Amino acid sequence: MRPSDVPQVRLHHQGLTTPQFTEPAKVVKWLGAVQAQDYAGGKWAIAQRMRHATDEVIEKAFAEGAILRTHVLRPTWHFVAPDDIRWMLQLTAPRVKASIASYCRTNSLDDTAFKRSHKALATALRGGRQLTRGALRQAVQRAGMATDGIRFILMLMRAELDGLICSGARIGKQFTYTLLEERAPRSKVLTRDEALAELARRYFTRRGPAALQDFVWWSGLITSEARAGIEMAGRHLTREVIDGRTCWLSSSTQAVTRRPRAAYLLPAYDEFLVAYKDRTAMLDAAYSGRETNAIFGPTIVVNGRVVGMWKGARSGTRGIVTFTPFAPLTASARRAVVQAARRYGAFLGQPVVVELTSSRTQV
């Protein structure tokens, strides 16, 4: 495989070039986890991997618990499938706990304190209740615990990592929490070796070709654990050396047809970029700094390469999409980007106005 083939193969494996899914839960299950601290962006990331999806459809799946949002893999939120949440937590939560340990010590939170906060949270949520952060803060305060600074945020995060709570349905724009045992009572449990193999299989078959350190970055595992997962996932993966880097991808990978002029408006933290430590296959190093925020911001991707940034906003009965390309776009690239904006409008359920340099076009 040539280095220039890598972005196209990744687009294909991530389900962006030819979306096959019709349900949000199947996208999340396929990818294993979808980074979701930017909640609106996470929903758009799922939608782009579906044949036809609207914001309303994905919000409904979240409200019903078909997809869950919790801290897993790394110290950030991800969408995960209910069936996967327990084994993923059991595998990756210890590393996330270690990464926040110093913050816990600074805020006088040890296992005894978390036991008290867990009890207060469980009591407040028992019986299928779904409560906002504010309501849960009051419940912990009533139990005699201080919730100043980031103490309460750490209490919630630890409760997620310990498998006590997860996301509930939103109330307006406010997020709620509920008990995991009531939200996903039948999620599977795997042995540690089974979990390592499954996470490696899910990562490389859906995001390959990728290298060992890419998997380490995405999973939050240490290198020896990640390597063991690759070895145990063996028959599902094939090894290739691409531009001097040893990579793995699905053993069933076939030739991927290039889609010239295909464009995507990817949200902040989309898996196409954030799932890799080395992003040079998709992003020129000149655009990876703070000035553009092209690693973690909403990006314009044309022919598998990041060519600029974009911003979406709602304004009454229409949406506004503003493009900031790194360099002037060709006529064919502009047409492809406008088509991508049209897909975004369909997701929002309203027409969008495109602003590109000095032009303004409704689509």
Protein backbone atom coordinates (compact mmCIF):
# COMPACT_ATOMS: atom_id res chain seq x y z
CA MET A 1 0.00 0.00 0.00
CA ARG A 2 1.30 3.45 -0.91
CA PRO A 3 1.29 6.26 1.68
CA SER A 4 -1.10 8.22 -0.55
CA ASP A 5 -3.62 5.36 -0.25
CA VAL A 6 -3.84 5.59 3.55
CA PRO A 7 -6.41 8.42 3.86
CA GLN A 8 -8.76 6.78 1.36
CA VAL A 9 -8.56 3.41 3.09
CA ARG A 10 -9.22 5.04 6.46
CA LEU A 11 -12.22 6.93 5.07
CA HIS A 12 -13.55 3.64 3.73
CA HIS A 13 -12.98 1.66 6.92
CA GLN A 14 -14.57 4.36 9.04
CA GLY A 15 -17.73 4.19 6.95
CA LEU A 16 -17.47 7.70 5.51
CA THR A 17 -17.16 6.97 1.79
CA THR A 18 -20.09 4.57 1.46
CA PRO A 19 -22.25 4.71 4.61
CA GLN A 20 -24.13 1.46 5.16
CA PHE A 21 -25.75 1.99 8.56
CA THR A 22 -29.32 3.10 9.19
CA GLU A 23 -29.20 3.25 13.00
CA PRO A 24 -26.95 5.37 15.25
CA ALA A 25 -26.37 2.45 17.60
CA LYS A 26 -24.89 0.36 14.80
CA VAL A 27 -22.40 3.10 13.90
CA VAL A 28 -21.22 3.38 17.50
CA LYS A 29 -21.04 -0.40 17.86
CA TRP A 30 -19.04 -0.63 14.60
CA LEU A 31 -16.48 1.99 15.63
CA GLY A 32 -16.32 0.83 19.25
CA ALA A 33 -16.29 4.37 20.63
CA VAL A 34 -16.85 7.86 19.20
CA GLN A 35 -15.26 10.81 20.99
CA ALA A 36 -18.07 13.01 22.25
CA GLN A 37 -17.07 15.83 24.58
CA ASP A 38 -18.38 18.06 21.78
CA TYR A 39 -21.86 16.57 21.94
CA ALA A 40 -23.30 18.24 18.83
CA GLY A 41 -20.17 17.37 16.86
CA GLY A 42 -20.31 13.78 18.06
CA LYS A 43 -23.86 13.45 16.74
CA TRP A 44 -22.78 14.82 13.36
CA ALA A 45 -19.85 12.37 13.32
CA ILE A 46 -22.32 9.49 13.73
CA ALA A 47 -24.67 10.94 11.11
CA GLN A 48 -21.99 11.07 8.43
CA ARG A 49 -21.54 7.34 8.77
CA MET A 50 -25.24 6.67 8.17
CA ARG A 51 -27.19 6.62 4.91
CA HIS A 52 -29.76 9.16 6.03
CA ALA A 53 -29.61 10.72 9.47
CA THR A 54 -30.93 13.79 11.19
CA ASP A 55 -30.01 15.42 14.45
CA GLU A 56 -33.44 14.42 15.76
CA VAL A 57 -32.90 10.72 15.00
CA ILE A 58 -29.57 10.62 16.83
CA GLU A 59 -30.89 12.64 19.77
CA LYS A 60 -33.75 10.12 20.09
CA ALA A 61 -31.29 7.20 20.14
CA PHE A 62 -29.33 8.94 22.90
CA ALA A 63 -32.47 9.74 24.90
CA GLU A 64 -33.63 6.12 24.71
CA GLY A 65 -30.24 4.75 25.77
CA ALA A 66 -29.44 3.06 22.44
CA ILE A 67 -26.13 4.92 22.65
CA LEU A 68 -24.49 5.99 25.90
CA ARG A 69 -22.03 8.75 26.76
CA THR A 70 -19.42 8.27 29.47
CA HIS A 71 -15.75 8.67 30.31
CA VAL A 72 -13.88 5.73 28.81
CA LEU A 73 -10.61 4.97 26.94
CA ARG A 74 -8.97 8.34 27.65
CA PRO A 75 -9.97 11.08 30.15
CA THR A 76 -12.78 12.36 27.93
CA TRP A 77 -16.34 11.49 26.95
CA HIS A 78 -17.13 8.91 24.29
CA PHE A 79 -20.31 7.50 22.83
CA VAL A 80 -20.35 3.74 23.37
CA ALA A 81 -22.87 0.96 22.81
CA PRO A 82 -24.66 -0.35 25.93
CA ASP A 83 -23.39 -3.85 25.17
CA ASP A 84 -19.76 -2.66 25.19
CA ILE A 85 -19.69 -0.24 28.09
CA ARG A 86 -18.77 -2.60 30.93
CA TRP A 87 -15.89 -4.46 29.33
CA MET A 88 -14.45 -1.21 27.96
CA LEU A 89 -14.61 0.39 31.40
CA GLN A 90 -13.04 -2.61 33.08
CA LEU A 91 -10.18 -2.54 30.56
CA THR A 92 -9.45 1.18 30.34
CA ALA A 93 -10.78 2.82 33.53
CA PRO A 94 -7.68 1.99 35.64
CA ARG A 95 -5.48 4.05 33.32
CA VAL A 96 -7.93 6.96 33.30
CA LYS A 97 -8.11 6.88 37.11
CA ALA A 98 -4.32 7.00 37.25
CA SER A 99 -4.30 10.04 34.95
CA ILE A 100 -6.61 12.02 37.27
CA ALA A 101 -5.11 10.78 40.55
CA SER A 102 -3.16 13.97 41.24
CA TYR A 103 -6.32 16.09 40.85
CA CYS A 104 -8.12 13.78 43.28
CA ARG A 105 -5.32 14.08 45.87
CA THR A 106 -5.27 17.86 45.52
CA ASN A 107 -9.00 17.92 46.23
CA SER A 108 -8.81 15.49 49.18
CA LEU A 109 -10.69 12.76 47.36
CA ASP A 110 -9.61 9.22 48.23
CA ASP A 111 -11.40 5.87 48.01
CA THR A 112 -13.25 6.52 51.26
CA ALA A 113 -14.55 9.85 49.97
CA PHE A 114 -15.60 8.31 46.64
CA LYS A 115 -17.43 5.56 48.51
CA ARG A 116 -19.51 8.25 50.23
CA SER A 117 -20.18 10.18 47.02
CA HIS A 118 -21.08 6.95 45.19
CA LYS A 119 -23.63 6.13 47.89
CA ALA A 120 -25.20 9.60 47.65
CA LEU A 121 -25.40 9.40 43.85
CA ALA A 122 -26.85 5.89 43.86
CA THR A 123 -29.50 6.82 46.43
CA ALA A 124 -30.55 9.86 44.40
CA LEU A 125 -30.78 7.94 41.11
CA ARG A 126 -32.24 4.63 42.24
CA GLY A 127 -35.58 3.69 40.69
CA GLY A 128 -34.84 4.79 37.14
CA ARG A 129 -34.42 8.47 37.97
CA GLN A 130 -32.41 10.63 35.56
CA LEU A 131 -31.10 13.78 37.24
CA THR A 132 -29.15 16.80 36.08
CA ARG A 133 -25.72 17.68 37.40
CA GLY A 134 -27.25 20.41 39.57
CA ALA A 135 -29.70 18.01 41.22
CA LEU A 136 -26.94 15.48 41.88
CA ARG A 137 -24.69 18.17 43.34
CA GLN A 138 -27.42 18.95 45.87
CA ALA A 139 -27.75 15.24 46.71
CA VAL A 140 -24.02 15.01 47.45
CA GLN A 141 -24.13 18.19 49.51
CA ARG A 142 -27.02 16.78 51.56
CA ALA A 143 -24.75 13.83 52.33
CA GLY A 144 -22.37 16.32 53.97
CA MET A 145 -19.73 16.50 51.25
CA ALA A 146 -18.20 19.66 49.80
CA THR A 147 -18.64 20.11 46.04
CA ASP A 148 -16.57 23.26 45.43
CA GLY A 149 -14.09 23.71 42.61
CA ILE A 150 -13.68 20.55 40.55
CA ARG A 151 -14.45 18.19 43.46
CA PHE A 152 -17.93 17.40 42.21
CA ILE A 153 -16.77 16.94 38.60
CA LEU A 154 -14.22 14.41 39.85
CA MET A 155 -16.94 12.63 41.85
CA LEU A 156 -19.09 12.24 38.75
CA MET A 157 -16.15 11.15 36.62
CA ARG A 158 -15.06 8.54 39.16
CA ALA A 159 -18.65 7.24 39.36
CA GLU A 160 -18.64 6.83 35.57
CA LEU A 161 -15.27 5.06 35.61
CA ASP A 162 -16.43 2.72 38.38
CA GLY A 163 -19.46 1.74 36.30
CA LEU A 164 -21.98 3.31 38.68
CA ILE A 165 -23.50 5.98 36.44
CA CYS A 166 -23.75 6.87 32.75
CA SER A 167 -25.70 9.30 30.60
CA GLY A 168 -29.46 9.65 30.75
CA ALA A 169 -31.76 11.57 28.41
CA ARG A 170 -31.24 15.31 28.14
CA ILE A 171 -33.70 17.73 29.75
CA GLY A 172 -33.73 20.59 27.30
CA LYS A 173 -30.03 21.22 26.78
CA GLN A 174 -29.01 19.88 30.18
CA PHE A 175 -27.38 16.47 30.45
CA THR A 176 -28.56 13.98 33.03
CA TYR A 177 -27.05 10.93 34.68
CA THR A 178 -28.64 7.62 35.59
CA LEU A 179 -27.53 4.32 37.09
CA LEU A 180 -25.64 2.12 34.64
CA GLU A 181 -27.15 -1.04 36.13
CA GLU A 182 -30.60 0.28 35.20
CA ARG A 183 -29.64 1.83 31.84
CA ALA A 184 -27.67 -1.14 30.49
CA PRO A 185 -28.43 -4.15 32.69
CA ARG A 186 -27.38 -6.77 30.14
CA SER A 187 -24.08 -5.43 28.80
CA LYS A 188 -21.44 -8.09 28.21
CA VAL A 189 -18.44 -8.78 30.41
CA LEU A 190 -15.19 -10.09 28.91
CA THR A 191 -11.99 -11.44 30.42
CA ARG A 192 -9.06 -9.05 30.24
CA ASP A 193 -7.45 -10.94 27.34
CA GLU A 194 -10.76 -11.07 25.48
CA ALA A 195 -11.23 -7.33 26.00
CA LEU A 196 -7.70 -6.51 24.78
CA ALA A 197 -8.23 -8.61 21.65
CA GLU A 198 -11.66 -7.13 20.97
CA LEU A 199 -10.52 -3.52 21.39
CA ALA A 200 -7.55 -4.12 19.06
CA ARG A 201 -9.78 -5.84 16.51
CA ARG A 202 -12.35 -3.06 16.64
CA TYR A 203 -9.69 -0.35 16.31
CA PHE A 204 -7.59 -1.71 13.45
CA THR A 205 -10.42 -3.16 11.34
CA ARG A 206 -12.38 0.11 11.58
CA ARG A 207 -9.53 2.64 11.55
CA GLY A 208 -6.63 0.87 9.87
CA PRO A 209 -4.07 1.14 8.54
CA ALA A 210 -2.67 2.36 11.83
CA ALA A 211 0.48 1.81 13.87
CA LEU A 212 0.97 0.52 17.40
CA GLN A 213 1.42 4.02 18.84
CA ASP A 214 -1.79 5.17 17.15
CA PHE A 215 -3.63 2.43 19.02
CA VAL A 216 -1.87 3.34 22.28
CA TRP A 217 -2.99 6.96 21.88
CA TRP A 218 -6.60 6.10 21.05
CA SER A 219 -7.11 3.35 23.62
CA GLY A 220 -5.24 4.84 26.57
CA LEU A 221 -3.51 1.48 27.10
CA ILE A 222 0.19 1.11 27.80
CA THR A 223 2.35 -0.13 24.93
CA SER A 224 2.71 -3.70 26.23
CA GLU A 225 -1.06 -4.05 26.62
CA ALA A 226 -1.68 -2.65 23.15
CA ARG A 227 0.89 -5.00 21.61
CA ALA A 228 -0.70 -7.98 23.39
CA GLY A 229 -4.11 -6.96 22.03
CA ILE A 230 -2.74 -6.89 18.48
CA GLU A 231 -1.21 -10.33 18.88
CA MET A 232 -4.45 -11.81 20.24
CA ALA A 233 -6.51 -10.19 17.47
CA GLY A 234 -4.16 -11.96 15.02
CA ARG A 235 -6.38 -13.61 12.43
CA HIS A 236 -8.53 -10.50 12.01
CA LEU A 237 -5.55 -8.30 11.11
CA THR A 238 -2.92 -8.08 8.44
CA ARG A 239 0.45 -6.36 8.78
CA GLU A 240 1.88 -3.91 6.26
CA VAL A 241 4.92 -1.66 6.26
CA ILE A 242 3.89 1.72 4.84
CA ASP A 243 6.51 4.40 4.37
CA GLY A 244 8.73 2.65 6.92
CA ARG A 245 5.99 2.31 9.57
CA THR A 246 4.58 -1.06 10.61
CA CYS A 247 0.79 -0.83 10.41
CA TRP A 248 -2.15 -3.18 10.86
CA LEU A 249 -5.53 -3.21 9.17
CA SER A 250 -8.39 -5.58 8.53
CA SER A 251 -7.33 -8.88 6.98
CA SER A 252 -10.40 -8.63 4.72
CA THR A 253 -9.40 -5.24 3.27
CA GLN A 254 -9.93 -5.07 -0.47
CA ALA A 255 -8.84 -2.49 -3.00
CA VAL A 256 -10.49 0.83 -2.20
CA THR A 257 -11.77 2.90 -5.09
CA ARG A 258 -10.70 6.50 -4.88
CA ARG A 259 -13.49 9.05 -4.92
CA PRO A 260 -12.02 12.15 -6.56
CA ARG A 261 -13.46 15.46 -5.39
CA ALA A 262 -15.31 13.83 -2.45
CA ALA A 263 -15.56 16.30 0.45
CA TYR A 264 -16.52 15.94 4.10
CA LEU A 265 -17.25 18.52 6.76
CA LEU A 266 -15.94 16.68 9.80
CA PRO A 267 -16.77 17.87 13.33
CA ALA A 268 -14.30 18.66 16.06
CA TYR A 269 -12.65 15.49 17.42
CA ASP A 270 -13.85 13.32 14.55
CA GLU A 271 -12.37 9.83 14.64
CA PHE A 272 -10.83 10.38 11.18
CA LEU A 273 -8.24 12.63 12.84
CA VAL A 274 -8.39 12.18 16.60
CA ALA A 275 -8.03 8.38 16.48
CA TYR A 276 -4.36 8.61 15.43
CA LYS A 277 -1.24 9.90 17.09
CA ASP A 278 0.40 10.43 13.69
CA ARG A 279 -1.97 12.40 11.46
CA THR A 280 0.44 13.35 8.68
CA ALA A 281 -1.36 11.09 6.19
CA MET A 282 -4.37 13.42 6.37
CA LEU A 283 -2.96 16.73 7.56
CA ASP A 284 0.00 18.80 6.44
CA ALA A 285 2.25 19.57 9.42
CA ALA A 286 2.08 23.28 8.57
CA TYR A 287 -1.61 23.29 9.55
CA SER A 288 -1.45 21.23 12.75
CA GLY A 289 -0.57 24.08 15.13
CA ARG A 290 -2.69 26.17 17.45
CA GLU A 291 -3.25 28.81 14.76
CA THR A 292 -5.58 26.51 12.80
CA ASN A 293 -6.60 23.95 15.46
CA ALA A 294 -6.91 21.51 12.56
CA ILE A 295 -6.33 18.47 14.77
CA PHE A 296 -9.17 19.09 17.19
CA GLY A 297 -11.41 21.54 15.33
CA PRO A 298 -14.08 21.11 12.61
CA THR A 299 -12.22 20.35 9.37
CA ILE A 300 -12.87 20.33 5.64
CA VAL A 301 -11.56 17.13 4.07
CA VAL A 302 -11.20 16.82 0.29
CA ASN A 303 -9.69 13.71 -1.33
CA GLY A 304 -8.72 12.44 2.13
CA ARG A 305 -6.71 15.53 3.09
CA VAL A 306 -7.60 18.38 5.43
CA VAL A 307 -7.82 21.54 3.32
CA GLY A 308 -9.36 23.99 5.77
CA MET A 309 -11.69 24.65 8.68
CA TRP A 310 -15.42 25.28 8.88
CA LYS A 311 -17.99 26.52 11.33
CA GLY A 312 -21.70 25.80 11.47
CA ALA A 313 -24.38 27.84 13.20
CA ARG A 314 -28.17 28.03 13.26
CA SER A 315 -29.90 31.30 12.42
CA GLY A 316 -33.66 31.15 12.58
CA THR A 317 -34.96 28.78 9.92
CA ARG A 318 -31.61 28.24 8.25
CA GLY A 319 -28.08 27.22 9.03
CA ILE A 320 -24.92 29.14 8.18
CA VAL A 321 -21.74 27.30 7.21
CA THR A 322 -18.55 29.35 7.02
CA PHE A 323 -15.50 27.90 5.29
CA THR A 324 -11.90 28.95 5.94
CA PRO A 325 -9.71 27.06 3.44
CA PHE A 326 -5.97 26.97 3.98
CA ALA A 327 -5.46 27.80 0.29
CA PRO A 328 -7.82 28.70 -2.57
CA LEU A 329 -10.02 25.74 -3.53
CA THR A 330 -10.32 24.53 -7.09
CA ALA A 331 -13.72 24.79 -8.76
CA SER A 332 -14.33 21.05 -8.37
CA ALA A 333 -13.34 21.17 -4.69
CA ARG A 334 -15.72 24.08 -4.09
CA ARG A 335 -18.57 22.13 -5.64
CA ALA A 336 -17.77 19.12 -3.48
CA VAL A 337 -17.65 21.27 -0.34
CA VAL A 338 -21.03 22.83 -1.17
CA GLN A 339 -22.47 19.32 -1.57
CA ALA A 340 -21.07 18.44 1.85
CA ALA A 341 -22.76 21.54 3.26
CA ARG A 342 -26.02 20.36 1.74
CA ARG A 343 -25.68 17.07 3.63
CA TYR A 344 -25.11 19.06 6.81
CA GLY A 345 -28.28 21.03 6.10
CA ALA A 346 -30.23 17.77 5.71
CA PHE A 347 -28.87 16.68 9.10
CA LEU A 348 -30.05 19.94 10.67
CA GLY A 349 -33.38 19.72 8.85
CA GLN A 350 -33.05 23.18 7.32
CA PRO A 351 -31.38 24.86 4.33
CA VAL A 352 -27.92 26.26 4.84
CA VAL A 353 -26.18 29.36 3.59
CA VAL A 354 -22.56 28.81 2.58
CA GLU A 355 -20.01 31.53 3.19
CA LEU A 356 -16.75 30.95 1.34
CA THR A 357 -14.31 33.89 1.19
CA SER A 358 -16.49 36.70 -0.23
CA SER A 359 -19.21 34.49 -1.73
CA ARG A 360 -22.55 33.63 -0.12
CA THR A 361 -24.66 30.85 -1.60
CA GLN A 362 -27.84 29.17 -0.33
CA VAL A 363 -27.99 25.39 -0.87
